[in-house]
Amino acid sequence: MYFEELGMPLAPASLIASILLVAALALALLRIVKGPTPFDRVVALDLIGGICLCIIVLFAIHFDQQVLLDAAFVIAIVSFIGTVAFARYLGKGGDQ
């Protein structure tokens, strides 16, 4: 890997980042289940999309696979469009 050639300790940073991302994912899933309003659930769903994006980028860096960055870009676009569409639906009174 490129980072190991530079002497940077990437493995401990990847481990810590993975643990924190899994914890954030669990908390976001909890918010989806217990969210008092649909708007809270939409924000939590958008957060899950961002967390998945971070996990894919972490894998791309760790395994030195740049093709995963393309997949992360597509997921970011789809997540944004889905969040905007669902927020418009809820804003027009779709959950009554």
PDB file of N, CA and C in Angstrom:
ATOM      1  N   MET A   1       0.832  -1.181   0.000  1.00  0.00           N
ATOM      2  CA  MET A   1       0.000   0.000   0.000  1.00  0.00           C
ATOM      3  C   MET A   1       0.873   1.240   0.000  1.00  0.00           C
ATOM      4  N   TYR A   2       0.335   2.285  -0.536  1.00  0.00           N
ATOM      5  CA  TYR A   2       1.082   3.527  -0.660  1.00  0.00           C
ATOM      6  C   TYR A   2       1.406   4.128   0.697  1.00  0.00           C
ATOM      7  N   PHE A   3       0.459   4.063   1.643  1.00  0.00           N
ATOM      8  CA  PHE A   3       0.672   4.675   2.942  1.00  0.00           C
ATOM      9  C   PHE A   3       1.727   3.946   3.760  1.00  0.00           C
ATOM     10  N   GLU A   4       1.824   2.632   3.594  1.00  0.00           N
ATOM     11  CA  GLU A   4       2.836   1.885   4.329  1.00  0.00           C
ATOM     12  C   GLU A   4       4.231   2.189   3.803  1.00  0.00           C
ATOM     13  N   GLU A   5       4.332   2.534   2.521  1.00  0.00           N
ATOM     14  CA  GLU A   5       5.620   2.915   1.971  1.00  0.00           C
ATOM     15  C   GLU A   5       6.096   4.230   2.567  1.00  0.00           C
ATOM     16  N   LEU A   6       5.166   5.095   2.917  1.00  0.00           N
ATOM     17  CA  LEU A   6       5.520   6.365   3.535  1.00  0.00           C
ATOM     18  C   LEU A   6       5.788   6.231   5.025  1.00  0.00           C
ATOM     19  N   GLY A   7       5.468   5.085   5.592  1.00  0.00           N
ATOM     20  CA  GLY A   7       5.702   4.862   7.010  1.00  0.00           C
ATOM     21  C   GLY A   7       4.547   5.311   7.888  1.00  0.00           C
ATOM     22  N   MET A   8       3.374   5.548   7.298  1.00  0.00           N
ATOM     23  CA  MET A   8       2.229   5.992   8.084  1.00  0.00           C
ATOM     24  C   MET A   8       1.476   4.779   8.626  1.00  0.00           C
ATOM     25  N   PRO A   9       1.120   4.809   9.878  1.00  0.00           N
ATOM     26  CA  PRO A   9       0.374   3.680  10.454  1.00  0.00           C
ATOM     27  C   PRO A   9      -1.103   3.749  10.071  1.00  0.00           C
ATOM     28  N   LEU A  10      -1.456   3.139   8.972  1.00  0.00           N
ATOM     29  CA  LEU A  10      -2.832   3.210   8.485  1.00  0.00           C
ATOM     30  C   LEU A  10      -3.740   2.190   9.162  1.00  0.00           C
ATOM     31  N   ALA A  11      -3.205   1.065   9.554  1.00  0.00           N
ATOM     32  CA  ALA A  11      -4.041   0.002  10.136  1.00  0.00           C
ATOM     33  C   ALA A  11      -4.726   0.429  11.433  1.00  0.00           C
ATOM     34  N   PRO A  12      -4.038   1.019  12.395  1.00  0.00           N
ATOM     35  CA  PRO A  12      -4.756   1.440  13.612  1.00  0.00           C
ATOM     36  C   PRO A  12      -5.801   2.526  13.331  1.00  0.00           C
ATOM     37  N   ALA A  13      -5.514   3.422  12.422  1.00  0.00           N
ATOM     38  CA  ALA A  13      -6.477   4.470  12.083  1.00  0.00           C
ATOM     39  C   ALA A  13      -7.705   3.868  11.412  1.00  0.00           C
ATOM     40  N   SER A  14      -7.501   2.877  10.558  1.00  0.00           N
ATOM     41  CA  SER A  14      -8.627   2.208   9.907  1.00  0.00           C
ATOM     42  C   SER A  14      -9.483   1.463  10.924  1.00  0.00           C
ATOM     43  N   LEU A  15      -8.851   0.841  11.885  1.00  0.00           N
ATOM     44  CA  LEU A  15      -9.582   0.113  12.914  1.00  0.00           C
ATOM     45  C   LEU A  15     -10.418   1.064  13.765  1.00  0.00           C
ATOM     46  N   ILE A  16      -9.831   2.152  14.186  1.00  0.00           N
ATOM     47  CA  ILE A  16     -10.558   3.126  15.004  1.00  0.00           C
ATOM     48  C   ILE A  16     -11.708   3.736  14.213  1.00  0.00           C
ATOM     49  N   ALA A  17     -11.452   4.084  12.951  1.00  0.00           N
ATOM     50  CA  ALA A  17     -12.498   4.660  12.109  1.00  0.00           C
ATOM     51  C   ALA A  17     -13.628   3.665  11.888  1.00  0.00           C
ATOM     52  N   SER A  18     -13.295   2.397  11.698  1.00  0.00           N
ATOM     53  CA  SER A  18     -14.325   1.370  11.496  1.00  0.00           C
ATOM     54  C   SER A  18     -15.209   1.220  12.730  1.00  0.00           C
ATOM     55  N   ILE A  19     -14.603   1.210  13.896  1.00  0.00           N
ATOM     56  CA  ILE A  19     -15.369   1.080  15.141  1.00  0.00           C
ATOM     57  C   ILE A  19     -16.304   2.269  15.321  1.00  0.00           C
ATOM     58  N   LEU A  20     -15.802   3.471  15.068  1.00  0.00           N
ATOM     59  CA  LEU A  20     -16.633   4.657  15.228  1.00  0.00           C
ATOM     60  C   LEU A  20     -17.754   4.711  14.195  1.00  0.00           C
ATOM     61  N   LEU A  21     -17.485   4.273  12.977  1.00  0.00           N
ATOM     62  CA  LEU A  21     -18.514   4.267  11.950  1.00  0.00           C
ATOM     63  C   LEU A  21     -19.611   3.245  12.254  1.00  0.00           C
ATOM     64  N   VAL A  22     -19.235   2.091  12.780  1.00  0.00           N
ATOM     65  CA  VAL A  22     -20.242   1.092  13.156  1.00  0.00           C
ATOM     66  C   VAL A  22     -21.086   1.608  14.317  1.00  0.00           C
ATOM     67  N   ALA A  23     -20.469   2.297  15.268  1.00  0.00           N
ATOM     68  CA  ALA A  23     -21.231   2.876  16.379  1.00  0.00           C
ATOM     69  C   ALA A  23     -22.192   3.945  15.878  1.00  0.00           C
ATOM     70  N   ALA A  24     -21.739   4.781  14.954  1.00  0.00           N
ATOM     71  CA  ALA A  24     -22.614   5.809  14.382  1.00  0.00           C
ATOM     72  C   ALA A  24     -23.763   5.180  13.593  1.00  0.00           C
ATOM     73  N   LEU A  25     -23.471   4.088  12.897  1.00  0.00           N
ATOM     74  CA  LEU A  25     -24.508   3.394  12.144  1.00  0.00           C
ATOM     75  C   LEU A  25     -25.564   2.814  13.087  1.00  0.00           C
ATOM     76  N   ALA A  26     -25.139   2.258  14.194  1.00  0.00           N
ATOM     77  CA  ALA A  26     -26.082   1.704  15.167  1.00  0.00           C
ATOM     78  C   ALA A  26     -26.964   2.800  15.765  1.00  0.00           C
ATOM     79  N   LEU A  27     -26.372   3.951  16.063  1.00  0.00           N
ATOM     80  CA  LEU A  27     -27.162   5.049  16.618  1.00  0.00           C
ATOM     81  C   LEU A  27     -28.149   5.610  15.595  1.00  0.00           C
ATOM     82  N   ALA A  28     -27.746   5.664  14.343  1.00  0.00           N
ATOM     83  CA  ALA A  28     -28.657   6.141  13.299  1.00  0.00           C
ATOM     84  C   ALA A  28     -29.809   5.161  13.088  1.00  0.00           C
ATOM     85  N   LEU A  29     -29.521   3.871  13.145  1.00  0.00           N
ATOM     86  CA  LEU A  29     -30.590   2.877  13.031  1.00  0.00           C
ATOM     87  C   LEU A  29     -31.561   2.981  14.210  1.00  0.00           C
ATOM     88  N   LEU A  30     -31.028   3.265  15.380  1.00  0.00           N
ATOM     89  CA  LEU A  30     -31.876   3.463  16.543  1.00  0.00           C
ATOM     90  C   LEU A  30     -32.796   4.661  16.347  1.00  0.00           C
ATOM     91  N   ARG A  31     -32.281   5.719  15.740  1.00  0.00           N
ATOM     92  CA  ARG A  31     -33.096   6.905  15.486  1.00  0.00           C
ATOM     93  C   ARG A  31     -34.191   6.612  14.457  1.00  0.00           C
ATOM     94  N   ILE A  32     -33.904   5.761  13.493  1.00  0.00           N
ATOM     95  CA  ILE A  32     -34.936   5.391  12.521  1.00  0.00           C
ATOM     96  C   ILE A  32     -36.049   4.612  13.205  1.00  0.00           C
ATOM     97  N   VAL A  33     -35.691   3.717  14.100  1.00  0.00           N
ATOM     98  CA  VAL A  33     -36.697   2.899  14.781  1.00  0.00           C
ATOM     99  C   VAL A  33     -37.502   3.728  15.778  1.00  0.00           C
ATOM    100  N   LYS A  34     -36.841   4.590  16.552  1.00  0.00           N
ATOM    101  CA  LYS A  34     -37.507   5.315  17.626  1.00  0.00           C
ATOM    102  C   LYS A  34     -37.860   6.751  17.273  1.00  0.00           C
ATOM    103  N   GLY A  35     -37.540   7.192  16.048  1.00  0.00           N
ATOM    104  CA  GLY A  35     -37.746   8.591  15.692  1.00  0.00           C
ATOM    105  C   GLY A  35     -39.162   9.058  15.938  1.00  0.00           C
ATOM    106  N   PRO A  36     -39.343  10.159  16.659  1.00  0.00           N
ATOM    107  CA  PRO A  36     -40.705  10.599  16.957  1.00  0.00           C
ATOM    108  C   PRO A  36     -41.435  11.153  15.729  1.00  0.00           C
ATOM    109  N   THR A  37     -40.719  11.709  14.785  1.00  0.00           N
ATOM    110  CA  THR A  37     -41.371  12.269  13.600  1.00  0.00           C
ATOM    111  C   THR A  37     -40.762  11.664  12.337  1.00  0.00           C
ATOM    112  N   PRO A  38     -41.489  11.723  11.244  1.00  0.00           N
ATOM    113  CA  PRO A  38     -40.925  11.238   9.978  1.00  0.00           C
ATOM    114  C   PRO A  38     -39.709  12.042   9.529  1.00  0.00           C
ATOM    115  N   PHE A  39     -39.651  13.310   9.902  1.00  0.00           N
ATOM    116  CA  PHE A  39     -38.497  14.128   9.529  1.00  0.00           C
ATOM    117  C   PHE A  39     -37.217  13.632  10.209  1.00  0.00           C
ATOM    118  N   ASP A  40     -37.346  13.191  11.461  1.00  0.00           N
ATOM    119  CA  ASP A  40     -36.193  12.595  12.147  1.00  0.00           C
ATOM    120  C   ASP A  40     -35.721  11.339  11.427  1.00  0.00           C
ATOM    121  N   ARG A  41     -36.656  10.564  10.948  1.00  0.00           N
ATOM    122  CA  ARG A  41     -36.307   9.333  10.233  1.00  0.00           C
ATOM    123  C   ARG A  41     -35.617   9.639   8.904  1.00  0.00           C
ATOM    124  N   VAL A  42     -36.061  10.704   8.221  1.00  0.00           N
ATOM    125  CA  VAL A  42     -35.420  11.085   6.960  1.00  0.00           C
ATOM    126  C   VAL A  42     -33.981  11.538   7.198  1.00  0.00           C
ATOM    127  N   VAL A  43     -33.779  12.313   8.234  1.00  0.00           N
ATOM    128  CA  VAL A  43     -32.420  12.770   8.551  1.00  0.00           C
ATOM    129  C   VAL A  43     -31.536  11.580   8.930  1.00  0.00           C
ATOM    130  N   ALA A  44     -32.071  10.644   9.694  1.00  0.00           N
ATOM    131  CA  ALA A  44     -31.306   9.451  10.074  1.00  0.00           C
ATOM    132  C   ALA A  44     -30.986   8.593   8.852  1.00  0.00           C
ATOM    133  N   LEU A  45     -31.932   8.513   7.922  1.00  0.00           N
ATOM    134  CA  LEU A  45     -31.685   7.744   6.697  1.00  0.00           C
ATOM    135  C   LEU A  45     -30.596   8.404   5.852  1.00  0.00           C
ATOM    136  N   ASP A  46     -30.602   9.729   5.802  1.00  0.00           N
ATOM    137  CA  ASP A  46     -29.539  10.442   5.092  1.00  0.00           C
ATOM    138  C   ASP A  46     -28.197  10.230   5.786  1.00  0.00           C
ATOM    139  N   LEU A  47     -28.218  10.208   7.098  1.00  0.00           N
ATOM    140  CA  LEU A  47     -26.991   9.952   7.857  1.00  0.00           C
ATOM    141  C   LEU A  47     -26.451   8.554   7.575  1.00  0.00           C
ATOM    142  N   ILE A  48     -27.341   7.577   7.467  1.00  0.00           N
ATOM    143  CA  ILE A  48     -26.904   6.213   7.145  1.00  0.00           C
ATOM    144  C   ILE A  48     -26.260   6.175   5.766  1.00  0.00           C
ATOM    145  N   GLY A  49     -26.818   6.919   4.816  1.00  0.00           N
ATOM    146  CA  GLY A  49     -26.190   7.000   3.496  1.00  0.00           C
ATOM    147  C   GLY A  49     -24.786   7.586   3.571  1.00  0.00           C
ATOM    148  N   GLY A  50     -24.615   8.619   4.391  1.00  0.00           N
ATOM    149  CA  GLY A  50     -23.288   9.210   4.570  1.00  0.00           C
ATOM    150  C   GLY A  50     -22.314   8.279   5.263  1.00  0.00           C
ATOM    151  N   ILE A  51     -22.805   7.528   6.231  1.00  0.00           N
ATOM    152  CA  ILE A  51     -21.948   6.574   6.936  1.00  0.00           C
ATOM    153  C   ILE A  51     -21.515   5.451   5.992  1.00  0.00           C
ATOM    154  N   CYS A  52     -22.454   4.959   5.195  1.00  0.00           N
ATOM    155  CA  CYS A  52     -22.093   3.924   4.211  1.00  0.00           C
ATOM    156  C   CYS A  52     -21.081   4.458   3.210  1.00  0.00           C
ATOM    157  N   LEU A  53     -21.244   5.699   2.849  1.00  0.00           N
ATOM    158  CA  LEU A  53     -20.280   6.343   1.953  1.00  0.00           C
ATOM    159  C   LEU A  53     -18.894   6.374   2.592  1.00  0.00           C
ATOM    160  N   CYS A  54     -18.830   6.729   3.846  1.00  0.00           N
ATOM    161  CA  CYS A  54     -17.540   6.751   4.552  1.00  0.00           C
ATOM    162  C   CYS A  54     -16.928   5.360   4.659  1.00  0.00           C
ATOM    163  N   ILE A  55     -17.746   4.358   4.883  1.00  0.00           N
ATOM    164  CA  ILE A  55     -17.241   2.984   4.987  1.00  0.00           C
ATOM    165  C   ILE A  55     -16.657   2.532   3.651  1.00  0.00           C
ATOM    166  N   ILE A  56     -17.333   2.868   2.558  1.00  0.00           N
ATOM    167  CA  ILE A  56     -16.819   2.488   1.236  1.00  0.00           C
ATOM    168  C   ILE A  56     -15.506   3.202   0.943  1.00  0.00           C
ATOM    169  N   VAL A  57     -15.418   4.479   1.285  1.00  0.00           N
ATOM    170  CA  VAL A  57     -14.161   5.210   1.075  1.00  0.00           C
ATOM    171  C   VAL A  57     -13.052   4.631   1.949  1.00  0.00           C
ATOM    172  N   LEU A  58     -13.388   4.243   3.163  1.00  0.00           N
ATOM    173  CA  LEU A  58     -12.397   3.611   4.041  1.00  0.00           C
ATOM    174  C   LEU A  58     -11.884   2.307   3.433  1.00  0.00           C
ATOM    175  N   PHE A  59     -12.803   1.499   2.889  1.00  0.00           N
ATOM    176  CA  PHE A  59     -12.388   0.273   2.202  1.00  0.00           C
ATOM    177  C   PHE A  59     -11.524   0.580   0.990  1.00  0.00           C
ATOM    178  N   ALA A  60     -11.869   1.616   0.241  1.00  0.00           N
ATOM    179  CA  ALA A  60     -11.092   1.983  -0.945  1.00  0.00           C
ATOM    180  C   ALA A  60      -9.669   2.356  -0.567  1.00  0.00           C
ATOM    181  N   ILE A  61      -9.525   3.075   0.537  1.00  0.00           N
ATOM    182  CA  ILE A  61      -8.185   3.458   0.984  1.00  0.00           C
ATOM    183  C   ILE A  61      -7.435   2.248   1.526  1.00  0.00           C
ATOM    184  N   HIS A  62      -8.111   1.443   2.331  1.00  0.00           N
ATOM    185  CA  HIS A  62      -7.436   0.312   2.975  1.00  0.00           C
ATOM    186  C   HIS A  62      -6.988  -0.742   1.968  1.00  0.00           C
ATOM    187  N   PHE A  63      -7.848  -1.055   0.993  1.00  0.00           N
ATOM    188  CA  PHE A  63      -7.516  -2.093   0.019  1.00  0.00           C
ATOM    189  C   PHE A  63      -6.920  -1.538  -1.271  1.00  0.00           C
ATOM    190  N   ASP A  64      -6.740  -0.223  -1.332  1.00  0.00           N
ATOM    191  CA  ASP A  64      -6.130   0.445  -2.490  1.00  0.00           C
ATOM    192  C   ASP A  64      -6.887   0.107  -3.777  1.00  0.00           C
ATOM    193  N   GLN A  65      -8.205   0.252  -3.737  1.00  0.00           N
ATOM    194  CA  GLN A  65      -9.080  -0.013  -4.875  1.00  0.00           C
ATOM    195  C   GLN A  65      -9.818   1.272  -5.241  1.00  0.00           C
ATOM    196  N   GLN A  66      -9.367   1.939  -6.286  1.00  0.00           N
ATOM    197  CA  GLN A  66      -9.976   3.207  -6.657  1.00  0.00           C
ATOM    198  C   GLN A  66     -11.348   3.048  -7.280  1.00  0.00           C
ATOM    199  N   VAL A  67     -11.677   1.859  -7.749  1.00  0.00           N
ATOM    200  CA  VAL A  67     -12.998   1.643  -8.341  1.00  0.00           C
ATOM    201  C   VAL A  67     -14.092   1.810  -7.288  1.00  0.00           C
ATOM    202  N   LEU A  68     -13.782   1.589  -6.029  1.00  0.00           N
ATOM    203  CA  LEU A  68     -14.761   1.776  -4.967  1.00  0.00           C
ATOM    204  C   LEU A  68     -15.130   3.245  -4.788  1.00  0.00           C
ATOM    205  N   LEU A  69     -14.238   4.142  -5.157  1.00  0.00           N
ATOM    206  CA  LEU A  69     -14.540   5.562  -5.062  1.00  0.00           C
ATOM    207  C   LEU A  69     -15.630   5.959  -6.052  1.00  0.00           C
ATOM    208  N   ASP A  70     -15.660   5.306  -7.219  1.00  0.00           N
ATOM    209  CA  ASP A  70     -16.736   5.553  -8.178  1.00  0.00           C
ATOM    210  C   ASP A  70     -18.076   5.108  -7.597  1.00  0.00           C
ATOM    211  N   ALA A  71     -18.086   3.963  -6.951  1.00  0.00           N
ATOM    212  CA  ALA A  71     -19.308   3.482  -6.320  1.00  0.00           C
ATOM    213  C   ALA A  71     -19.746   4.429  -5.199  1.00  0.00           C
ATOM    214  N   ALA A  72     -18.798   4.953  -4.459  1.00  0.00           N
ATOM    215  CA  ALA A  72     -19.119   5.893  -3.386  1.00  0.00           C
ATOM    216  C   ALA A  72     -19.731   7.174  -3.958  1.00  0.00           C
ATOM    217  N   PHE A  73     -19.236   7.617  -5.080  1.00  0.00           N
ATOM    218  CA  PHE A  73     -19.779   8.818  -5.720  1.00  0.00           C
ATOM    219  C   PHE A  73     -21.232   8.590  -6.150  1.00  0.00           C
ATOM    220  N   VAL A  74     -21.504   7.447  -6.718  1.00  0.00           N
ATOM    221  CA  VAL A  74     -22.876   7.123  -7.147  1.00  0.00           C
ATOM    222  C   VAL A  74     -23.801   7.025  -5.936  1.00  0.00           C
ATOM    223  N   ILE A  75     -23.348   6.415  -4.865  1.00  0.00           N
ATOM    224  CA  ILE A  75     -24.164   6.305  -3.657  1.00  0.00           C
ATOM    225  C   ILE A  75     -24.447   7.687  -3.079  1.00  0.00           C
ATOM    226  N   ALA A  76     -23.474   8.582  -3.124  1.00  0.00           N
ATOM    227  CA  ALA A  76     -23.681   9.938  -2.615  1.00  0.00           C
ATOM    228  C   ALA A  76     -24.760  10.663  -3.416  1.00  0.00           C
ATOM    229  N   ILE A  77     -24.732  10.521  -4.731  1.00  0.00           N
ATOM    230  CA  ILE A  77     -25.727  11.183  -5.571  1.00  0.00           C
ATOM    231  C   ILE A  77     -27.121  10.602  -5.327  1.00  0.00           C
ATOM    232  N   VAL A  78     -27.226   9.285  -5.296  1.00  0.00           N
ATOM    233  CA  VAL A  78     -28.525   8.642  -5.087  1.00  0.00           C
ATOM    234  C   VAL A  78     -29.079   8.966  -3.695  1.00  0.00           C
ATOM    235  N   SER A  79     -28.230   9.003  -2.705  1.00  0.00           N
ATOM    236  CA  SER A  79     -28.661   9.330  -1.346  1.00  0.00           C
ATOM    237  C   SER A  79     -29.188  10.760  -1.280  1.00  0.00           C
ATOM    238  N   PHE A  80     -28.500  11.678  -1.920  1.00  0.00           N
ATOM    239  CA  PHE A  80     -28.936  13.078  -1.914  1.00  0.00           C
ATOM    240  C   PHE A  80     -30.279  13.235  -2.624  1.00  0.00           C
ATOM    241  N   ILE A  81     -30.413  12.633  -3.787  1.00  0.00           N
ATOM    242  CA  ILE A  81     -31.659  12.757  -4.547  1.00  0.00           C
ATOM    243  C   ILE A  81     -32.819  12.106  -3.783  1.00  0.00           C
ATOM    244  N   GLY A  82     -32.570  10.958  -3.177  1.00  0.00           N
ATOM    245  CA  GLY A  82     -33.611  10.302  -2.400  1.00  0.00           C
ATOM    246  C   GLY A  82     -34.041  11.118  -1.196  1.00  0.00           C
ATOM    247  N   THR A  83     -33.102  11.739  -0.519  1.00  0.00           N
ATOM    248  CA  THR A  83     -33.426  12.563   0.645  1.00  0.00           C
ATOM    249  C   THR A  83     -34.236  13.780   0.237  1.00  0.00           C
ATOM    250  N   VAL A  84     -33.852  14.424  -0.849  1.00  0.00           N
ATOM    251  CA  VAL A  84     -34.597  15.590  -1.316  1.00  0.00           C
ATOM    252  C   VAL A  84     -36.009  15.196  -1.735  1.00  0.00           C
ATOM    253  N   ALA A  85     -36.143  14.089  -2.430  1.00  0.00           N
ATOM    254  CA  ALA A  85     -37.464  13.645  -2.875  1.00  0.00           C
ATOM    255  C   ALA A  85     -38.356  13.300  -1.689  1.00  0.00           C
ATOM    256  N   PHE A  86     -37.821  12.611  -0.713  1.00  0.00           N
ATOM    257  CA  PHE A  86     -38.633  12.220   0.442  1.00  0.00           C
ATOM    258  C   PHE A  86     -38.986  13.437   1.295  1.00  0.00           C
ATOM    259  N   ALA A  87     -38.067  14.394   1.414  1.00  0.00           N
ATOM    260  CA  ALA A  87     -38.361  15.610   2.158  1.00  0.00           C
ATOM    261  C   ALA A  87     -39.445  16.434   1.475  1.00  0.00           C
ATOM    262  N   ARG A  88     -39.429  16.477   0.154  1.00  0.00           N
ATOM    263  CA  ARG A  88     -40.506  17.173  -0.572  1.00  0.00           C
ATOM    264  C   ARG A  88     -41.837  16.467  -0.359  1.00  0.00           C
ATOM    265  N   TYR A  89     -41.821  15.161  -0.380  1.00  0.00           N
ATOM    266  CA  TYR A  89     -43.046  14.389  -0.145  1.00  0.00           C
ATOM    267  C   TYR A  89     -43.616  14.688   1.229  1.00  0.00           C
ATOM    268  N   LEU A  90     -42.757  14.692   2.239  1.00  0.00           N
ATOM    269  CA  LEU A  90     -43.230  14.977   3.595  1.00  0.00           C
ATOM    270  C   LEU A  90     -43.639  16.446   3.746  1.00  0.00           C
ATOM    271  N   GLY A  91     -42.952  17.332   3.037  1.00  0.00           N
ATOM    272  CA  GLY A  91     -43.279  18.755   3.119  1.00  0.00           C
ATOM    273  C   GLY A  91     -44.641  19.082   2.531  1.00  0.00           C
ATOM    274  N   LYS A  92     -45.079  18.284   1.577  1.00  0.00           N
ATOM    275  CA  LYS A  92     -46.392  18.509   0.968  1.00  0.00           C
ATOM    276  C   LYS A  92     -47.505  17.813   1.729  1.00  0.00           C
ATOM    277  N   GLY A  93     -47.191  17.230   2.862  1.00  0.00           N
ATOM    278  CA  GLY A  93     -48.226  16.588   3.678  1.00  0.00           C
ATOM    279  C   GLY A  93     -48.439  15.132   3.315  1.00  0.00           C
ATOM    280  N   GLY A  94     -47.402  14.440   2.894  1.00  0.00           N
ATOM    281  CA  GLY A  94     -47.536  13.056   2.490  1.00  0.00           C
ATOM    282  C   GLY A  94     -47.754  12.088   3.634  1.00  0.00           C
ATOM    283  N   ASP A  95     -47.456  12.494   4.869  1.00  0.00           N
ATOM    284  CA  ASP A  95     -47.593  11.586   6.012  1.00  0.00           C
ATOM    285  C   ASP A  95     -48.717  12.067   6.934  1.00  0.00           C
ATOM    286  N   GLN A  96     -49.949  11.971   6.443  1.00  0.00           N
ATOM    287  CA  GLN A  96     -51.068  12.426   7.264  1.00  0.00           C
ATOM    288  C   GLN A  96     -52.090  11.334   7.452  1.00  0.00           C
TER     289      GLN A  96
END
